[in-house]
Structures are given as structure tokens and as C-alpha cells.
Amino acid sequence: MRKGNWLPVLLVLIGFVVGRFIGSYFEGTFLNYGQSFGLSSPIILDLGFFVLTFGLTIHITIASVIGVVIALVVYRFIR
């Protein structure tokens, strides 16, 4: 990654967080409609003396997509 590529990635992640906050604020509306995907149960690697647990679930809602779009618009203005 080049030096200047961290800002759009950071803004997209912030957009997901803000969108999730907006979705939780307006509970029960169409903003919370979405899809979850990832691992349904974590993968456990037990080496006897060291145990690693891997798991990832992503829940994308309409509110999080709106948050990402807002973050990208903000990026266009500050760039």
C-alpha cells in the first residue's frame, strides 16, 4: 500500500461504524435490512500449549451502505 492509501480505507471503516450506529438508532426500520456472512462458528486451532481461535462475521445493512457512501463523499471533498 502506498503512503496515501490509508485515508480512504479508514473513512470506509468509519462509514461502516457510523452506518451501524444510525441503524441501531432507528431500530425496526428498513435501514436495518441486510445480510450477514462469514463463519457461523469459529475455527479453533489447539496446539496443546497455544490455542488460536479464528472467526469473522460481517453484517452489512442499508444504513452501513449509506454510511460508506457518506464517507466517500467526504473523502472527495477533503481530497
PDB file of N, CA and C in Angstrom:
ATOM      1  N   MET A   1       0.827  -1.188   0.000  1.00  0.00           N
ATOM      2  CA  MET A   1       0.000   0.000   0.000  1.00  0.00           C
ATOM      3  C   MET A   1       0.866   1.243   0.000  1.00  0.00           C
ATOM      4  N   ARG A   2       0.502   2.153  -0.829  1.00  0.00           N
ATOM      5  CA  ARG A   2       1.249   3.394  -0.839  1.00  0.00           C
ATOM      6  C   ARG A   2       0.918   4.208   0.396  1.00  0.00           C
ATOM      7  N   LYS A   3       1.671   5.253   0.606  1.00  0.00           N
ATOM      8  CA  LYS A   3       1.529   6.067   1.813  1.00  0.00           C
ATOM      9  C   LYS A   3       0.179   6.764   1.891  1.00  0.00           C
ATOM     10  N   GLY A   4      -0.397   7.186   0.791  1.00  0.00           N
ATOM     11  CA  GLY A   4      -1.634   7.954   0.810  1.00  0.00           C
ATOM     12  C   GLY A   4      -2.908   7.136   0.732  1.00  0.00           C
ATOM     13  N   ASN A   5      -2.811   5.807   0.682  1.00  0.00           N
ATOM     14  CA  ASN A   5      -3.999   4.971   0.516  1.00  0.00           C
ATOM     15  C   ASN A   5      -4.691   4.613   1.816  1.00  0.00           C
ATOM     16  N   TRP A   6      -4.180   4.993   2.946  1.00  0.00           N
ATOM     17  CA  TRP A   6      -4.801   4.616   4.218  1.00  0.00           C
ATOM     18  C   TRP A   6      -6.030   5.454   4.516  1.00  0.00           C
ATOM     19  N   LEU A   7      -6.112   6.679   4.019  1.00  0.00           N
ATOM     20  CA  LEU A   7      -7.238   7.554   4.335  1.00  0.00           C
ATOM     21  C   LEU A   7      -8.568   7.049   3.775  1.00  0.00           C
ATOM     22  N   PRO A   8      -8.666   6.628   2.517  1.00  0.00           N
ATOM     23  CA  PRO A   8      -9.960   6.095   2.043  1.00  0.00           C
ATOM     24  C   PRO A   8     -10.386   4.831   2.788  1.00  0.00           C
ATOM     25  N   VAL A   9      -9.445   3.969   3.109  1.00  0.00           N
ATOM     26  CA  VAL A   9      -9.768   2.751   3.853  1.00  0.00           C
ATOM     27  C   VAL A   9     -10.295   3.104   5.238  1.00  0.00           C
ATOM     28  N   LEU A  10      -9.638   4.048   5.897  1.00  0.00           N
ATOM     29  CA  LEU A  10     -10.073   4.493   7.218  1.00  0.00           C
ATOM     30  C   LEU A  10     -11.457   5.133   7.156  1.00  0.00           C
ATOM     31  N   LEU A  11     -11.715   5.937   6.141  1.00  0.00           N
ATOM     32  CA  LEU A  11     -13.022   6.574   6.017  1.00  0.00           C
ATOM     33  C   LEU A  11     -14.123   5.554   5.719  1.00  0.00           C
ATOM     34  N   VAL A  12     -13.825   4.528   4.947  1.00  0.00           N
ATOM     35  CA  VAL A  12     -14.828   3.492   4.685  1.00  0.00           C
ATOM     36  C   VAL A  12     -15.149   2.739   5.973  1.00  0.00           C
ATOM     37  N   LEU A  13     -14.137   2.413   6.765  1.00  0.00           N
ATOM     38  CA  LEU A  13     -14.380   1.749   8.044  1.00  0.00           C
ATOM     39  C   LEU A  13     -15.187   2.629   8.992  1.00  0.00           C
ATOM     40  N   ILE A  14     -14.877   3.917   9.029  1.00  0.00           N
ATOM     41  CA  ILE A  14     -15.654   4.852   9.839  1.00  0.00           C
ATOM     42  C   ILE A  14     -17.082   4.939   9.317  1.00  0.00           C
ATOM     43  N   GLY A  15     -17.252   4.883   7.991  1.00  0.00           N
ATOM     44  CA  GLY A  15     -18.590   4.884   7.399  1.00  0.00           C
ATOM     45  C   GLY A  15     -19.416   3.689   7.824  1.00  0.00           C
ATOM     46  N   PHE A  16     -18.785   2.500   7.888  1.00  0.00           N
ATOM     47  CA  PHE A  16     -19.488   1.314   8.372  1.00  0.00           C
ATOM     48  C   PHE A  16     -19.913   1.479   9.822  1.00  0.00           C
ATOM     49  N   VAL A  17     -19.036   2.041  10.649  1.00  0.00           N
ATOM     50  CA  VAL A  17     -19.361   2.222  12.070  1.00  0.00           C
ATOM     51  C   VAL A  17     -20.487   3.238  12.244  1.00  0.00           C
ATOM     52  N   VAL A  18     -20.404   4.353  11.525  1.00  0.00           N
ATOM     53  CA  VAL A  18     -21.454   5.370  11.617  1.00  0.00           C
ATOM     54  C   VAL A  18     -22.780   4.823  11.093  1.00  0.00           C
ATOM     55  N   GLY A  19     -22.728   4.065  10.007  1.00  0.00           N
ATOM     56  CA  GLY A  19     -23.941   3.458   9.470  1.00  0.00           C
ATOM     57  C   GLY A  19     -24.552   2.465  10.440  1.00  0.00           C
ATOM     58  N   ARG A  20     -23.717   1.702  11.107  1.00  0.00           N
ATOM     59  CA  ARG A  20     -24.232   0.760  12.108  1.00  0.00           C
ATOM     60  C   ARG A  20     -24.876   1.511  13.275  1.00  0.00           C
ATOM     61  N   PHE A  21     -24.280   2.629  13.668  1.00  0.00           N
ATOM     62  CA  PHE A  21     -24.859   3.455  14.738  1.00  0.00           C
ATOM     63  C   PHE A  21     -26.209   4.018  14.305  1.00  0.00           C
ATOM     64  N   ILE A  22     -26.300   4.495  13.076  1.00  0.00           N
ATOM     65  CA  ILE A  22     -27.563   5.028  12.560  1.00  0.00           C
ATOM     66  C   ILE A  22     -28.614   3.918  12.514  1.00  0.00           C
ATOM     67  N   GLY A  23     -28.221   2.733  12.083  1.00  0.00           N
ATOM     68  CA  GLY A  23     -29.146   1.611  12.024  1.00  0.00           C
ATOM     69  C   GLY A  23     -29.642   1.189  13.394  1.00  0.00           C
ATOM     70  N   SER A  24     -28.779   1.239  14.400  1.00  0.00           N
ATOM     71  CA  SER A  24     -29.215   0.867  15.746  1.00  0.00           C
ATOM     72  C   SER A  24     -30.088   1.956  16.365  1.00  0.00           C
ATOM     73  N   TYR A  25     -29.914   3.190  15.947  1.00  0.00           N
ATOM     74  CA  TYR A  25     -30.743   4.286  16.448  1.00  0.00           C
ATOM     75  C   TYR A  25     -32.166   4.180  15.907  1.00  0.00           C
ATOM     76  N   PHE A  26     -32.307   3.826  14.639  1.00  0.00           N
ATOM     77  CA  PHE A  26     -33.612   3.669  14.001  1.00  0.00           C
ATOM     78  C   PHE A  26     -33.979   2.186  13.941  1.00  0.00           C
ATOM     79  N   GLU A  27     -34.070   1.569  15.096  1.00  0.00           N
ATOM     80  CA  GLU A  27     -34.374   0.135  15.202  1.00  0.00           C
ATOM     81  C   GLU A  27     -35.755  -0.177  14.614  1.00  0.00           C
ATOM     82  N   GLY A  28     -35.834  -1.242  13.840  1.00  0.00           N
ATOM     83  CA  GLY A  28     -37.106  -1.681  13.286  1.00  0.00           C
ATOM     84  C   GLY A  28     -37.499  -1.012  11.984  1.00  0.00           C
ATOM     85  N   THR A  29     -36.637  -0.238  11.369  1.00  0.00           N
ATOM     86  CA  THR A  29     -36.949   0.400  10.096  1.00  0.00           C
ATOM     87  C   THR A  29     -36.258  -0.356   8.964  1.00  0.00           C
ATOM     88  N   PHE A  30     -36.452   0.109   7.754  1.00  0.00           N
ATOM     89  CA  PHE A  30     -35.836  -0.527   6.596  1.00  0.00           C
ATOM     90  C   PHE A  30     -34.321  -0.377   6.602  1.00  0.00           C
ATOM     91  N   LEU A  31     -33.781   0.534   7.407  1.00  0.00           N
ATOM     92  CA  LEU A  31     -32.336   0.747   7.444  1.00  0.00           C
ATOM     93  C   LEU A  31     -31.586  -0.460   8.007  1.00  0.00           C
ATOM     94  N   ASN A  32     -32.264  -1.296   8.766  1.00  0.00           N
ATOM     95  CA  ASN A  32     -31.617  -2.457   9.360  1.00  0.00           C
ATOM     96  C   ASN A  32     -31.749  -3.713   8.503  1.00  0.00           C
ATOM     97  N   TYR A  33     -32.328  -3.587   7.328  1.00  0.00           N
ATOM     98  CA  TYR A  33     -32.424  -4.729   6.424  1.00  0.00           C
ATOM     99  C   TYR A  33     -31.039  -4.986   5.825  1.00  0.00           C
ATOM    100  N   GLY A  34     -30.586  -6.211   5.902  1.00  0.00           N
ATOM    101  CA  GLY A  34     -29.263  -6.504   5.370  1.00  0.00           C
ATOM    102  C   GLY A  34     -28.965  -7.979   5.357  1.00  0.00           C
ATOM    103  N   GLN A  35     -27.703  -8.284   5.198  1.00  0.00           N
ATOM    104  CA  GLN A  35     -27.259  -9.658   5.068  1.00  0.00           C
ATOM    105  C   GLN A  35     -26.008  -9.862   5.917  1.00  0.00           C
ATOM    106  N   SER A  36     -25.950 -11.012   6.571  1.00  0.00           N
ATOM    107  CA  SER A  36     -24.761 -11.410   7.325  1.00  0.00           C
ATOM    108  C   SER A  36     -24.069 -12.542   6.586  1.00  0.00           C
ATOM    109  N   PHE A  37     -22.743 -12.500   6.581  1.00  0.00           N
ATOM    110  CA  PHE A  37     -21.989 -13.603   6.010  1.00  0.00           C
ATOM    111  C   PHE A  37     -20.666 -13.726   6.742  1.00  0.00           C
ATOM    112  N   GLY A  38     -20.110 -14.886   6.666  1.00  0.00           N
ATOM    113  CA  GLY A  38     -18.859 -15.181   7.353  1.00  0.00           C
ATOM    114  C   GLY A  38     -18.892 -16.576   7.932  1.00  0.00           C
ATOM    115  N   LEU A  39     -18.106 -16.794   8.963  1.00  0.00           N
ATOM    116  CA  LEU A  39     -18.051 -18.095   9.617  1.00  0.00           C
ATOM    117  C   LEU A  39     -19.160 -18.190  10.651  1.00  0.00           C
ATOM    118  N   SER A  40     -19.956 -19.257  10.587  1.00  0.00           N
ATOM    119  CA  SER A  40     -21.046 -19.413  11.551  1.00  0.00           C
ATOM    120  C   SER A  40     -20.518 -19.816  12.925  1.00  0.00           C
ATOM    121  N   SER A  41     -19.449 -20.566  12.949  1.00  0.00           N
ATOM    122  CA  SER A  41     -18.802 -20.901  14.221  1.00  0.00           C
ATOM    123  C   SER A  41     -17.298 -20.698  14.047  1.00  0.00           C
ATOM    124  N   PRO A  42     -16.613 -20.317  15.107  1.00  0.00           N
ATOM    125  CA  PRO A  42     -15.184 -20.040  14.969  1.00  0.00           C
ATOM    126  C   PRO A  42     -14.368 -21.312  14.715  1.00  0.00           C
ATOM    127  N   ILE A  43     -13.237 -21.124  14.074  1.00  0.00           N
ATOM    128  CA  ILE A  43     -12.296 -22.205  13.829  1.00  0.00           C
ATOM    129  C   ILE A  43     -11.262 -22.172  14.947  1.00  0.00           C
ATOM    130  N   ILE A  44     -11.068 -23.293  15.612  1.00  0.00           N
ATOM    131  CA  ILE A  44     -10.158 -23.356  16.749  1.00  0.00           C
ATOM    132  C   ILE A  44      -8.961 -24.222  16.380  1.00  0.00           C
ATOM    133  N   LEU A  45      -7.773 -23.665  16.566  1.00  0.00           N
ATOM    134  CA  LEU A  45      -6.528 -24.387  16.342  1.00  0.00           C
ATOM    135  C   LEU A  45      -5.874 -24.602  17.705  1.00  0.00           C
ATOM    136  N   ASP A  46      -5.904 -25.829  18.191  1.00  0.00           N
ATOM    137  CA  ASP A  46      -5.376 -26.171  19.511  1.00  0.00           C
ATOM    138  C   ASP A  46      -4.057 -26.913  19.329  1.00  0.00           C
ATOM    139  N   LEU A  47      -2.962 -26.270  19.708  1.00  0.00           N
ATOM    140  CA  LEU A  47      -1.640 -26.880  19.592  1.00  0.00           C
ATOM    141  C   LEU A  47      -1.153 -27.459  20.909  1.00  0.00           C
ATOM    142  N   GLY A  48      -2.019 -27.519  21.902  1.00  0.00           N
ATOM    143  CA  GLY A  48      -1.645 -28.062  23.202  1.00  0.00           C
ATOM    144  C   GLY A  48      -1.187 -26.990  24.171  1.00  0.00           C
ATOM    145  N   PHE A  49      -0.200 -26.225  23.786  1.00  0.00           N
ATOM    146  CA  PHE A  49       0.302 -25.140  24.628  1.00  0.00           C
ATOM    147  C   PHE A  49      -0.167 -23.773  24.154  1.00  0.00           C
ATOM    148  N   PHE A  50      -0.798 -23.740  22.978  1.00  0.00           N
ATOM    149  CA  PHE A  50      -1.207 -22.482  22.365  1.00  0.00           C
ATOM    150  C   PHE A  50      -2.519 -22.722  21.626  1.00  0.00           C
ATOM    151  N   VAL A  51      -3.536 -21.936  21.918  1.00  0.00           N
ATOM    152  CA  VAL A  51      -4.842 -22.094  21.283  1.00  0.00           C
ATOM    153  C   VAL A  51      -5.178 -20.815  20.519  1.00  0.00           C
ATOM    154  N   LEU A  52      -5.448 -20.947  19.230  1.00  0.00           N
ATOM    155  CA  LEU A  52      -5.872 -19.824  18.391  1.00  0.00           C
ATOM    156  C   LEU A  52      -7.317 -20.034  17.968  1.00  0.00           C
ATOM    157  N   THR A  53      -8.103 -18.968  18.036  1.00  0.00           N
ATOM    158  CA  THR A  53      -9.490 -19.014  17.606  1.00  0.00           C
ATOM    159  C   THR A  53      -9.685 -17.982  16.507  1.00  0.00           C
ATOM    160  N   PHE A  54     -10.144 -18.430  15.350  1.00  0.00           N
ATOM    161  CA  PHE A  54     -10.387 -17.562  14.212  1.00  0.00           C
ATOM    162  C   PHE A  54     -11.885 -17.481  13.949  1.00  0.00           C
ATOM    163  N   GLY A  55     -12.377 -16.288  13.728  1.00  0.00           N
ATOM    164  CA  GLY A  55     -13.777 -16.119  13.389  1.00  0.00           C
ATOM    165  C   GLY A  55     -14.015 -14.738  12.804  1.00  0.00           C
ATOM    166  N   LEU A  56     -14.912 -14.662  11.845  1.00  0.00           N
ATOM    167  CA  LEU A  56     -15.237 -13.386  11.222  1.00  0.00           C
ATOM    168  C   LEU A  56     -16.670 -13.448  10.710  1.00  0.00           C
ATOM    169  N   THR A  57     -17.475 -12.477  11.112  1.00  0.00           N
ATOM    170  CA  THR A  57     -18.828 -12.327  10.613  1.00  0.00           C
ATOM    171  C   THR A  57     -19.035 -10.865  10.253  1.00  0.00           C
ATOM    172  N   ILE A  58     -19.550 -10.630   9.073  1.00  0.00           N
ATOM    173  CA  ILE A  58     -19.799  -9.268   8.599  1.00  0.00           C
ATOM    174  C   ILE A  58     -21.297  -9.117   8.387  1.00  0.00           C
ATOM    175  N   HIS A  59     -21.855  -8.049   8.933  1.00  0.00           N
ATOM    176  CA  HIS A  59     -23.279  -7.761   8.795  1.00  0.00           C
ATOM    177  C   HIS A  59     -23.407  -6.422   8.067  1.00  0.00           C
ATOM    178  N   ILE A  60     -23.839  -6.476   6.820  1.00  0.00           N
ATOM    179  CA  ILE A  60     -23.980  -5.269   6.003  1.00  0.00           C
ATOM    180  C   ILE A  60     -25.460  -4.927   5.918  1.00  0.00           C
ATOM    181  N   THR A  61     -25.796  -3.701   6.302  1.00  0.00           N
ATOM    182  CA  THR A  61     -27.175  -3.229   6.237  1.00  0.00           C
ATOM    183  C   THR A  61     -27.256  -2.026   5.301  1.00  0.00           C
ATOM    184  N   ILE A  62     -28.467  -1.599   5.047  1.00  0.00           N
ATOM    185  CA  ILE A  62     -28.666  -0.405   4.216  1.00  0.00           C
ATOM    186  C   ILE A  62     -28.054   0.813   4.894  1.00  0.00           C
ATOM    187  N   ALA A  63     -28.161   0.882   6.212  1.00  0.00           N
ATOM    188  CA  ALA A  63     -27.582   2.013   6.952  1.00  0.00           C
ATOM    189  C   ALA A  63     -26.062   2.030   6.825  1.00  0.00           C
ATOM    190  N   SER A  64     -25.418   0.868   6.846  1.00  0.00           N
ATOM    191  CA  SER A  64     -23.964   0.851   6.713  1.00  0.00           C
ATOM    192  C   SER A  64     -23.530   1.238   5.301  1.00  0.00           C
ATOM    193  N   VAL A  65     -24.322   0.860   4.305  1.00  0.00           N
ATOM    194  CA  VAL A  65     -24.013   1.279   2.930  1.00  0.00           C
ATOM    195  C   VAL A  65     -24.165   2.792   2.795  1.00  0.00           C
ATOM    196  N   ILE A  66     -25.185   3.364   3.412  1.00  0.00           N
ATOM    197  CA  ILE A  66     -25.357   4.820   3.404  1.00  0.00           C
ATOM    198  C   ILE A  66     -24.177   5.498   4.101  1.00  0.00           C
ATOM    199  N   GLY A  67     -23.713   4.920   5.206  1.00  0.00           N
ATOM    200  CA  GLY A  67     -22.551   5.458   5.909  1.00  0.00           C
ATOM    201  C   GLY A  67     -21.299   5.440   5.061  1.00  0.00           C
ATOM    202  N   VAL A  68     -21.096   4.375   4.288  1.00  0.00           N
ATOM    203  CA  VAL A  68     -19.932   4.287   3.408  1.00  0.00           C
ATOM    204  C   VAL A  68     -20.034   5.311   2.282  1.00  0.00           C
ATOM    205  N   VAL A  69     -21.221   5.488   1.724  1.00  0.00           N
ATOM    206  CA  VAL A  69     -21.400   6.492   0.665  1.00  0.00           C
ATOM    207  C   VAL A  69     -21.102   7.884   1.203  1.00  0.00           C
ATOM    208  N   ILE A  70     -21.572   8.187   2.406  1.00  0.00           N
ATOM    209  CA  ILE A  70     -21.278   9.491   3.023  1.00  0.00           C
ATOM    210  C   ILE A  70     -19.777   9.645   3.240  1.00  0.00           C
ATOM    211  N   ALA A  71     -19.102   8.583   3.680  1.00  0.00           N
ATOM    212  CA  ALA A  71     -17.656   8.642   3.890  1.00  0.00           C
ATOM    213  C   ALA A  71     -16.918   8.890   2.585  1.00  0.00           C
ATOM    214  N   LEU A  72     -17.360   8.275   1.499  1.00  0.00           N
ATOM    215  CA  LEU A  72     -16.713   8.500   0.223  1.00  0.00           C
ATOM    216  C   LEU A  72     -16.954   9.919  -0.302  1.00  0.00           C
ATOM    217  N   VAL A  73     -18.138  10.467  -0.050  1.00  0.00           N
ATOM    218  CA  VAL A  73     -18.396  11.863  -0.435  1.00  0.00           C
ATOM    219  C   VAL A  73     -17.506  12.803   0.373  1.00  0.00           C
ATOM    220  N   VAL A  74     -17.359  12.526   1.658  1.00  0.00           N
ATOM    221  CA  VAL A  74     -16.450  13.332   2.489  1.00  0.00           C
ATOM    222  C   VAL A  74     -15.026  13.241   1.968  1.00  0.00           C
ATOM    223  N   TYR A  75     -14.611  12.067   1.570  1.00  0.00           N
ATOM    224  CA  TYR A  75     -13.249  11.899   1.018  1.00  0.00           C
ATOM    225  C   TYR A  75     -13.059  12.719  -0.247  1.00  0.00           C
ATOM    226  N   ARG A  76     -14.076  12.753  -1.102  1.00  0.00           N
ATOM    227  CA  ARG A  76     -13.951  13.558  -2.324  1.00  0.00           C
ATOM    228  C   ARG A  76     -13.786  15.046  -2.014  1.00  0.00           C
ATOM    229  N   PHE A  77     -14.453  15.507  -0.919  1.00  0.00           N
ATOM    230  CA  PHE A  77     -14.345  16.917  -0.564  1.00  0.00           C
ATOM    231  C   PHE A  77     -13.010  17.258   0.116  1.00  0.00           C
ATOM    232  N   ILE A  78     -12.444  16.336   0.871  1.00  0.00           N
ATOM    233  CA  ILE A  78     -11.186  16.655   1.549  1.00  0.00           C
ATOM    234  C   ILE A  78      -9.972  16.318   0.712  1.00  0.00           C
ATOM    235  N   ARG A  79     -10.136  15.631  -0.399  1.00  0.00           N
ATOM    236  CA  ARG A  79      -9.020  15.263  -1.255  1.00  0.00           C
ATOM    237  C   ARG A  79      -8.586  16.406  -2.091  1.00  0.00           C
TER     238      ARG A  79
END
